[in-house]
Every structure is written in structure tokens, then in C-alpha cells.
């Protein structure tokens, strides 16, 4: 949601989650008032489609990103809790070859395609509210 992009109060997407829940509650109220269940169900399916799309895109790109980071920082153990220690390390870019970068770029393109498909699906479901 829009208010979640404010940098001073954005805490791990909590505000966006609260906003989505409030929108769903409002749409449920509209659906019961107008006695049209499609308003709420289409919005719910659209939001679920968006969440699934983001989860699949992250699942596609994250393993490739971890592989490239492990090759660039051979002393890194791969744990996300120690990712802040990477700033003190010097990356060994000679360990990264074109195959690694090609797989990362391919995963990024696939992730963007997945996001496009799911965002079109989400938009279609949310557009049917009007």
C-alpha cells in the first residue's frame, strides 16, 4: 500500500499488511451491504495471487543470488544473520564467471515474468470490483 513506502515507519511490511487487512474488511462490508459476494471473493483471490506471485519470484531468484554471493565472498557461511559482515569483506570477483551471472540474470528475467503474470491476474481480479 502507499503509506508503507514512508521510510521512517516502514517496519518489515507491517503497515502494508495492516492496510491490506483493512481494505479486505472494508470490501467485506461492501459485499454484505450490496449482497454481492463477488466483491469480497475477487479481492481476496487477487491479493492471494499477488502474495503467491511474490513468493514464487523470491523463491526463483534467491538461490541464484546466494550462489553468486557465496562465490564473491568465499568466507561467508551463507547465513542471512551474518550478511552484515559482508561489508567488511573484500569481494573476490574473479571467482564469479559468466555462467554464474547468466544464471542470475536468467533467474531475474524469470522472476520478472512471474511477477508480470501474477500482477496481471491480480489486476484482473481486482478490476472486476468495479
N, C-alpha and C. Protein backbone atom coordinates (compact mmCIF):
# COMPACT_ATOMS: atom_id res chain seq x y z
N UNK A 1 0.83 -1.16 0.00
CA UNK A 1 0.00 0.00 0.00
C UNK A 1 0.88 1.25 0.00
N UNK A 2 0.29 2.38 -0.19
CA UNK A 2 1.04 3.60 -0.40
C UNK A 2 1.74 4.08 0.86
N UNK A 3 1.09 4.02 1.99
CA UNK A 3 1.67 4.58 3.21
C UNK A 3 2.89 3.78 3.67
N UNK A 4 3.03 2.55 3.26
CA UNK A 4 4.14 1.72 3.69
C UNK A 4 5.47 2.12 3.10
N UNK A 5 5.47 2.96 2.07
CA UNK A 5 6.75 3.36 1.48
C UNK A 5 7.41 4.49 2.25
N UNK A 6 6.74 5.01 3.25
CA UNK A 6 7.36 6.04 4.07
C UNK A 6 8.54 5.43 4.83
N UNK A 7 9.74 5.95 4.62
CA UNK A 7 10.93 5.28 5.18
C UNK A 7 11.02 5.33 6.69
N UNK A 8 10.35 6.25 7.33
CA UNK A 8 10.51 6.37 8.77
C UNK A 8 9.67 5.36 9.54
N UNK A 9 8.61 4.85 8.92
CA UNK A 9 7.73 3.96 9.67
C UNK A 9 7.57 2.59 9.01
N UNK A 10 8.34 2.29 7.99
CA UNK A 10 8.21 1.01 7.31
C UNK A 10 8.98 -0.06 8.09
N UNK A 11 8.26 -0.89 8.80
CA UNK A 11 8.87 -1.93 9.61
C UNK A 11 8.45 -3.30 9.08
N UNK A 12 9.26 -3.86 8.21
CA UNK A 12 9.06 -5.21 7.67
C UNK A 12 7.66 -5.43 7.11
N UNK A 13 7.20 -4.47 6.35
CA UNK A 13 5.92 -4.56 5.63
C UNK A 13 4.71 -4.69 6.55
N UNK A 14 4.85 -4.31 7.80
CA UNK A 14 3.74 -4.43 8.74
C UNK A 14 2.61 -3.47 8.37
N UNK A 15 2.97 -2.27 7.97
CA UNK A 15 1.94 -1.29 7.64
C UNK A 15 1.19 -1.71 6.39
N UNK A 16 1.90 -2.28 5.41
CA UNK A 16 1.22 -2.77 4.21
C UNK A 16 0.25 -3.89 4.55
N UNK A 17 0.67 -4.78 5.43
CA UNK A 17 -0.19 -5.89 5.84
C UNK A 17 -1.44 -5.38 6.55
N UNK A 18 -1.27 -4.41 7.43
CA UNK A 18 -2.41 -3.82 8.12
C UNK A 18 -3.34 -3.15 7.12
N UNK A 19 -2.76 -2.45 6.13
CA UNK A 19 -3.57 -1.80 5.11
C UNK A 19 -4.37 -2.78 4.28
N UNK A 20 -3.75 -3.89 3.89
CA UNK A 20 -4.45 -4.91 3.11
C UNK A 20 -5.58 -5.52 3.92
N UNK A 21 -5.33 -5.78 5.19
CA UNK A 21 -6.37 -6.35 6.05
C UNK A 21 -7.54 -5.38 6.19
N UNK A 22 -7.24 -4.10 6.37
CA UNK A 22 -8.31 -3.11 6.49
C UNK A 22 -9.11 -2.97 5.19
N UNK A 23 -8.42 -3.03 4.05
CA UNK A 23 -9.13 -2.98 2.77
C UNK A 23 -10.02 -4.20 2.61
N UNK A 24 -9.53 -5.37 2.99
CA UNK A 24 -10.36 -6.57 2.90
C UNK A 24 -11.57 -6.49 3.83
N UNK A 25 -11.38 -5.94 5.00
CA UNK A 25 -12.52 -5.79 5.93
C UNK A 25 -13.55 -4.83 5.33
N UNK A 26 -13.07 -3.73 4.74
CA UNK A 26 -13.99 -2.77 4.11
C UNK A 26 -14.72 -3.40 2.93
N UNK A 27 -14.01 -4.17 2.12
CA UNK A 27 -14.65 -4.82 0.97
C UNK A 27 -15.65 -5.88 1.42
N UNK A 28 -15.36 -6.52 2.54
CA UNK A 28 -16.33 -7.47 3.08
C UNK A 28 -17.61 -6.75 3.51
N UNK A 29 -17.44 -5.57 4.09
CA UNK A 29 -18.60 -4.76 4.47
C UNK A 29 -19.40 -4.32 3.25
N UNK A 30 -18.68 -3.90 2.19
CA UNK A 30 -19.38 -3.54 0.95
C UNK A 30 -20.12 -4.73 0.36
N UNK A 31 -19.47 -5.89 0.37
CA UNK A 31 -20.08 -7.09 -0.21
C UNK A 31 -21.34 -7.48 0.56
N UNK A 32 -21.31 -7.36 1.87
CA UNK A 32 -22.51 -7.71 2.64
C UNK A 32 -23.59 -6.64 2.49
N UNK A 33 -23.20 -5.38 2.35
CA UNK A 33 -24.20 -4.31 2.20
C UNK A 33 -24.92 -4.42 0.86
N UNK A 34 -24.15 -4.66 -0.21
CA UNK A 34 -24.74 -4.76 -1.54
C UNK A 34 -25.19 -6.18 -1.88
N UNK A 35 -24.99 -7.10 -0.98
CA UNK A 35 -25.35 -8.50 -1.15
C UNK A 35 -24.76 -9.08 -2.44
N UNK A 36 -23.49 -8.76 -2.66
CA UNK A 36 -22.75 -9.24 -3.84
C UNK A 36 -21.43 -9.83 -3.33
N UNK A 37 -21.40 -11.14 -3.20
CA UNK A 37 -20.22 -11.79 -2.61
C UNK A 37 -19.00 -11.72 -3.52
N UNK A 38 -19.19 -11.44 -4.79
CA UNK A 38 -18.07 -11.36 -5.72
C UNK A 38 -17.11 -10.23 -5.41
N UNK A 39 -17.59 -9.19 -4.77
CA UNK A 39 -16.73 -8.07 -4.42
C UNK A 39 -15.62 -8.54 -3.49
N UNK A 40 -15.99 -9.24 -2.45
CA UNK A 40 -15.00 -9.69 -1.47
C UNK A 40 -14.16 -10.85 -1.99
N UNK A 41 -14.80 -11.82 -2.63
CA UNK A 41 -14.05 -13.01 -3.07
C UNK A 41 -13.04 -12.66 -4.16
N UNK A 42 -13.40 -11.79 -5.10
CA UNK A 42 -12.44 -11.41 -6.14
C UNK A 42 -11.27 -10.64 -5.56
N UNK A 43 -11.54 -9.76 -4.60
CA UNK A 43 -10.46 -9.02 -3.96
C UNK A 43 -9.55 -9.95 -3.18
N UNK A 44 -10.16 -10.90 -2.48
CA UNK A 44 -9.37 -11.86 -1.72
C UNK A 44 -8.49 -12.71 -2.64
N UNK A 45 -9.08 -13.21 -3.73
CA UNK A 45 -8.31 -14.00 -4.69
C UNK A 45 -7.21 -13.17 -5.35
N UNK A 46 -7.49 -11.90 -5.62
CA UNK A 46 -6.48 -11.04 -6.21
C UNK A 46 -5.30 -10.81 -5.28
N UNK A 47 -5.58 -10.56 -4.03
CA UNK A 47 -4.50 -10.33 -3.07
C UNK A 47 -3.71 -11.61 -2.83
N UNK A 48 -4.39 -12.74 -2.78
CA UNK A 48 -3.69 -14.02 -2.63
C UNK A 48 -2.81 -14.29 -3.85
N UNK A 49 -3.31 -13.97 -5.05
CA UNK A 49 -2.50 -14.15 -6.26
C UNK A 49 -1.24 -13.29 -6.22
N UNK A 50 -1.37 -12.07 -5.72
CA UNK A 50 -0.20 -11.20 -5.59
C UNK A 50 0.82 -11.74 -4.61
N UNK A 51 0.36 -12.24 -3.50
CA UNK A 51 1.27 -12.80 -2.49
C UNK A 51 1.96 -14.04 -3.03
N UNK A 52 1.21 -14.90 -3.71
CA UNK A 52 1.81 -16.11 -4.29
C UNK A 52 2.84 -15.74 -5.35
N UNK A 53 2.54 -14.74 -6.18
CA UNK A 53 3.47 -14.32 -7.21
C UNK A 53 4.78 -13.81 -6.64
N UNK A 54 4.71 -13.01 -5.59
CA UNK A 54 5.93 -12.50 -4.96
C UNK A 54 6.72 -13.64 -4.32
N UNK A 55 6.02 -14.58 -3.68
CA UNK A 55 6.71 -15.71 -3.04
C UNK A 55 7.43 -16.57 -4.09
N UNK A 56 6.78 -16.82 -5.21
CA UNK A 56 7.42 -17.64 -6.26
C UNK A 56 8.61 -16.89 -6.86
N UNK A 57 8.47 -15.59 -7.08
CA UNK A 57 9.58 -14.81 -7.65
C UNK A 57 10.78 -14.80 -6.71
N UNK A 58 10.52 -14.66 -5.42
CA UNK A 58 11.63 -14.69 -4.45
C UNK A 58 12.26 -16.08 -4.41
N UNK A 59 11.43 -17.12 -4.50
CA UNK A 59 11.97 -18.48 -4.49
C UNK A 59 12.79 -18.78 -5.73
N UNK A 60 12.51 -18.10 -6.83
CA UNK A 60 13.28 -18.32 -8.05
C UNK A 60 14.63 -17.61 -7.98
N UNK A 61 14.64 -16.37 -7.50
CA UNK A 61 15.86 -15.58 -7.58
C UNK A 61 16.79 -15.76 -6.38
N UNK A 62 16.26 -16.11 -5.23
CA UNK A 62 17.07 -16.19 -4.02
C UNK A 62 18.19 -17.24 -4.08
N UNK A 63 17.94 -18.47 -4.54
CA UNK A 63 19.05 -19.43 -4.60
C UNK A 63 20.18 -18.99 -5.52
N UNK A 64 19.84 -18.36 -6.64
CA UNK A 64 20.88 -17.89 -7.55
C UNK A 64 21.66 -16.73 -6.96
N UNK A 65 20.99 -15.87 -6.24
CA UNK A 65 21.67 -14.76 -5.58
C UNK A 65 22.61 -15.26 -4.49
N UNK A 66 22.17 -16.25 -3.74
CA UNK A 66 23.02 -16.83 -2.70
C UNK A 66 24.26 -17.48 -3.31
N UNK A 67 24.10 -18.19 -4.43
CA UNK A 67 25.26 -18.80 -5.08
C UNK A 67 26.28 -17.76 -5.52
N UNK A 68 25.82 -16.66 -6.10
CA UNK A 68 26.74 -15.63 -6.55
C UNK A 68 27.41 -14.96 -5.35
N UNK A 69 26.66 -14.73 -4.28
CA UNK A 69 27.26 -14.13 -3.09
C UNK A 69 28.29 -15.05 -2.44
N UNK A 70 28.00 -16.35 -2.44
CA UNK A 70 28.97 -17.30 -1.87
C UNK A 70 30.25 -17.36 -2.68
N UNK A 71 30.14 -17.20 -4.00
CA UNK A 71 31.35 -17.19 -4.82
C UNK A 71 32.10 -15.88 -4.69
N UNK A 72 31.38 -14.78 -4.53
CA UNK A 72 32.05 -13.49 -4.38
C UNK A 72 32.69 -13.33 -3.00
N UNK A 73 32.05 -13.91 -2.01
CA UNK A 73 32.55 -13.87 -0.63
C UNK A 73 32.75 -15.30 -0.14
N UNK A 74 33.89 -15.92 -0.45
CA UNK A 74 34.07 -17.33 -0.08
C UNK A 74 34.09 -17.59 1.43
N UNK A 75 34.37 -16.60 2.23
CA UNK A 75 34.41 -16.79 3.69
C UNK A 75 33.04 -16.67 4.33
N UNK A 76 32.05 -16.26 3.56
CA UNK A 76 30.69 -16.11 4.10
C UNK A 76 30.07 -17.49 4.24
N UNK A 77 29.40 -17.73 5.37
CA UNK A 77 28.84 -19.06 5.63
C UNK A 77 27.46 -19.26 5.02
N UNK A 78 26.89 -18.24 4.40
CA UNK A 78 25.60 -18.37 3.75
C UNK A 78 24.42 -18.06 4.65
N UNK A 79 24.68 -17.70 5.88
CA UNK A 79 23.60 -17.39 6.81
C UNK A 79 23.20 -15.92 6.65
N UNK A 80 21.89 -15.68 6.62
CA UNK A 80 21.41 -14.31 6.46
C UNK A 80 21.61 -13.50 7.73
N UNK A 81 21.86 -14.15 8.85
CA UNK A 81 22.11 -13.40 10.08
C UNK A 81 23.49 -12.74 10.06
N UNK A 82 24.39 -13.27 9.25
CA UNK A 82 25.73 -12.70 9.17
C UNK A 82 25.93 -11.89 7.89
N UNK A 83 24.87 -11.51 7.22
CA UNK A 83 25.01 -10.79 5.95
C UNK A 83 25.61 -9.40 6.17
N UNK A 84 25.44 -8.85 7.35
CA UNK A 84 26.03 -7.53 7.61
C UNK A 84 27.55 -7.60 7.66
N UNK A 85 28.10 -8.77 7.91
CA UNK A 85 29.57 -8.90 7.94
C UNK A 85 30.17 -8.84 6.55
N UNK A 86 29.35 -8.91 5.51
CA UNK A 86 29.87 -8.85 4.14
C UNK A 86 30.47 -7.49 3.82
N UNK A 87 29.99 -6.45 4.48
CA UNK A 87 30.51 -5.11 4.18
C UNK A 87 31.97 -4.98 4.59
N UNK A 88 32.42 -5.78 5.55
CA UNK A 88 33.82 -5.72 5.98
C UNK A 88 34.71 -6.60 5.10
N UNK A 89 34.14 -7.48 4.31
CA UNK A 89 34.92 -8.37 3.45
C UNK A 89 35.13 -7.74 2.08
N UNK A 90 36.22 -8.14 1.45
CA UNK A 90 36.51 -7.70 0.09
C UNK A 90 36.03 -8.80 -0.86
N UNK A 91 35.15 -8.45 -1.81
CA UNK A 91 34.65 -9.49 -2.71
C UNK A 91 35.73 -9.95 -3.68
N UNK A 92 35.73 -11.24 -3.96
CA UNK A 92 36.65 -11.81 -4.95
C UNK A 92 35.86 -12.02 -6.24
N UNK A 93 35.85 -10.98 -7.04
CA UNK A 93 35.07 -11.03 -8.26
C UNK A 93 35.66 -11.98 -9.29
N UNK A 94 36.90 -12.39 -9.10
CA UNK A 94 37.49 -13.34 -10.04
C UNK A 94 36.88 -14.73 -9.90
N UNK A 95 36.21 -14.99 -8.78
CA UNK A 95 35.55 -16.29 -8.59
C UNK A 95 34.24 -16.39 -9.37
N UNK A 96 33.68 -15.25 -9.77
CA UNK A 96 32.40 -15.25 -10.48
C UNK A 96 32.68 -15.32 -11.98
N UNK A 97 32.11 -16.31 -12.63
CA UNK A 97 32.26 -16.43 -14.08
C UNK A 97 30.97 -16.06 -14.78
N UNK A 98 31.00 -16.10 -16.09
CA UNK A 98 29.83 -15.67 -16.86
C UNK A 98 28.64 -16.61 -16.69
N UNK A 99 28.90 -17.88 -16.39
CA UNK A 99 27.80 -18.83 -16.19
C UNK A 99 27.00 -18.44 -14.96
N UNK A 100 27.70 -18.03 -13.90
CA UNK A 100 27.01 -17.61 -12.68
C UNK A 100 26.16 -16.37 -12.92
N UNK A 101 26.74 -15.41 -13.64
CA UNK A 101 25.99 -14.20 -13.93
C UNK A 101 24.82 -14.48 -14.87
N UNK A 102 25.03 -15.37 -15.83
CA UNK A 102 23.94 -15.71 -16.74
C UNK A 102 22.78 -16.37 -15.98
N UNK A 103 23.10 -17.25 -15.04
CA UNK A 103 22.03 -17.89 -14.27
C UNK A 103 21.30 -16.87 -13.39
N UNK A 104 22.04 -15.90 -12.85
CA UNK A 104 21.40 -14.87 -12.04
C UNK A 104 20.52 -13.96 -12.89
N UNK A 105 21.01 -13.59 -14.07
CA UNK A 105 20.22 -12.75 -14.97
C UNK A 105 19.00 -13.50 -15.47
N UNK A 106 19.16 -14.77 -15.80
CA UNK A 106 18.03 -15.58 -16.25
C UNK A 106 16.98 -15.71 -15.14
N UNK A 107 17.44 -15.95 -13.92
CA UNK A 107 16.50 -16.04 -12.80
C UNK A 107 15.79 -14.71 -12.58
N UNK A 108 16.49 -13.61 -12.76
CA UNK A 108 15.85 -12.30 -12.64
C UNK A 108 14.79 -12.07 -13.70
N UNK A 109 15.08 -12.49 -14.93
CA UNK A 109 14.09 -12.34 -16.01
C UNK A 109 12.89 -13.23 -15.76
N UNK A 110 13.14 -14.46 -15.31
CA UNK A 110 12.03 -15.37 -14.99
C UNK A 110 11.19 -14.81 -13.84
N UNK A 111 11.86 -14.26 -12.84
CA UNK A 111 11.13 -13.68 -11.71
C UNK A 111 10.28 -12.49 -12.16
N UNK A 112 10.82 -11.66 -13.06
CA UNK A 112 10.03 -10.54 -13.57
C UNK A 112 8.84 -11.03 -14.38
N UNK A 113 9.03 -12.10 -15.16
CA UNK A 113 7.91 -12.66 -15.93
C UNK A 113 6.83 -13.20 -14.99
N UNK A 114 7.26 -13.87 -13.93
CA UNK A 114 6.30 -14.40 -12.95
C UNK A 114 5.54 -13.25 -12.29
N UNK A 115 6.26 -12.20 -11.91
CA UNK A 115 5.60 -11.06 -11.30
C UNK A 115 4.62 -10.40 -12.25
N UNK A 116 4.99 -10.32 -13.53
CA UNK A 116 4.07 -9.73 -14.52
C UNK A 116 2.80 -10.55 -14.65
N UNK A 117 2.94 -11.87 -14.76
CA UNK A 117 1.77 -12.73 -14.91
C UNK A 117 0.86 -12.62 -13.68
N UNK A 118 1.44 -12.68 -12.51
CA UNK A 118 0.62 -12.63 -11.31
C UNK A 118 0.05 -11.23 -11.07
N UNK A 119 0.77 -10.18 -11.47
CA UNK A 119 0.20 -8.84 -11.29
C UNK A 119 -0.94 -8.59 -12.27
N UNK A 120 -0.85 -9.14 -13.49
CA UNK A 120 -1.97 -9.03 -14.41
C UNK A 120 -3.18 -9.79 -13.87
N UNK A 121 -2.93 -10.98 -13.33
CA UNK A 121 -4.02 -11.76 -12.72
C UNK A 121 -4.64 -11.00 -11.56
N UNK A 122 -3.80 -10.43 -10.71
CA UNK A 122 -4.29 -9.68 -9.56
C UNK A 122 -5.09 -8.46 -10.02
N UNK A 123 -4.58 -7.76 -11.02
CA UNK A 123 -5.27 -6.59 -11.53
C UNK A 123 -6.62 -6.96 -12.12
N UNK A 124 -6.66 -8.07 -12.85
CA UNK A 124 -7.92 -8.50 -13.43
C UNK A 124 -8.95 -8.83 -12.34
N UNK A 125 -8.49 -9.53 -11.32
CA UNK A 125 -9.43 -9.88 -10.24
C UNK A 125 -9.89 -8.65 -9.47
N UNK A 126 -8.99 -7.70 -9.25
CA UNK A 126 -9.37 -6.50 -8.53
C UNK A 126 -10.17 -5.55 -9.41
N UNK A 127 -9.94 -5.61 -10.72
CA UNK A 127 -10.69 -4.76 -11.64
C UNK A 127 -12.16 -5.19 -11.71
N UNK A 128 -12.43 -6.46 -11.47
CA UNK A 128 -13.81 -6.92 -11.53
C UNK A 128 -14.65 -6.37 -10.37
N UNK A 129 -14.02 -5.61 -9.48
CA UNK A 129 -14.77 -4.99 -8.39
C UNK A 129 -15.63 -3.85 -8.88
N UNK A 130 -15.25 -3.23 -9.99
CA UNK A 130 -15.99 -2.06 -10.48
C UNK A 130 -17.18 -2.43 -11.31
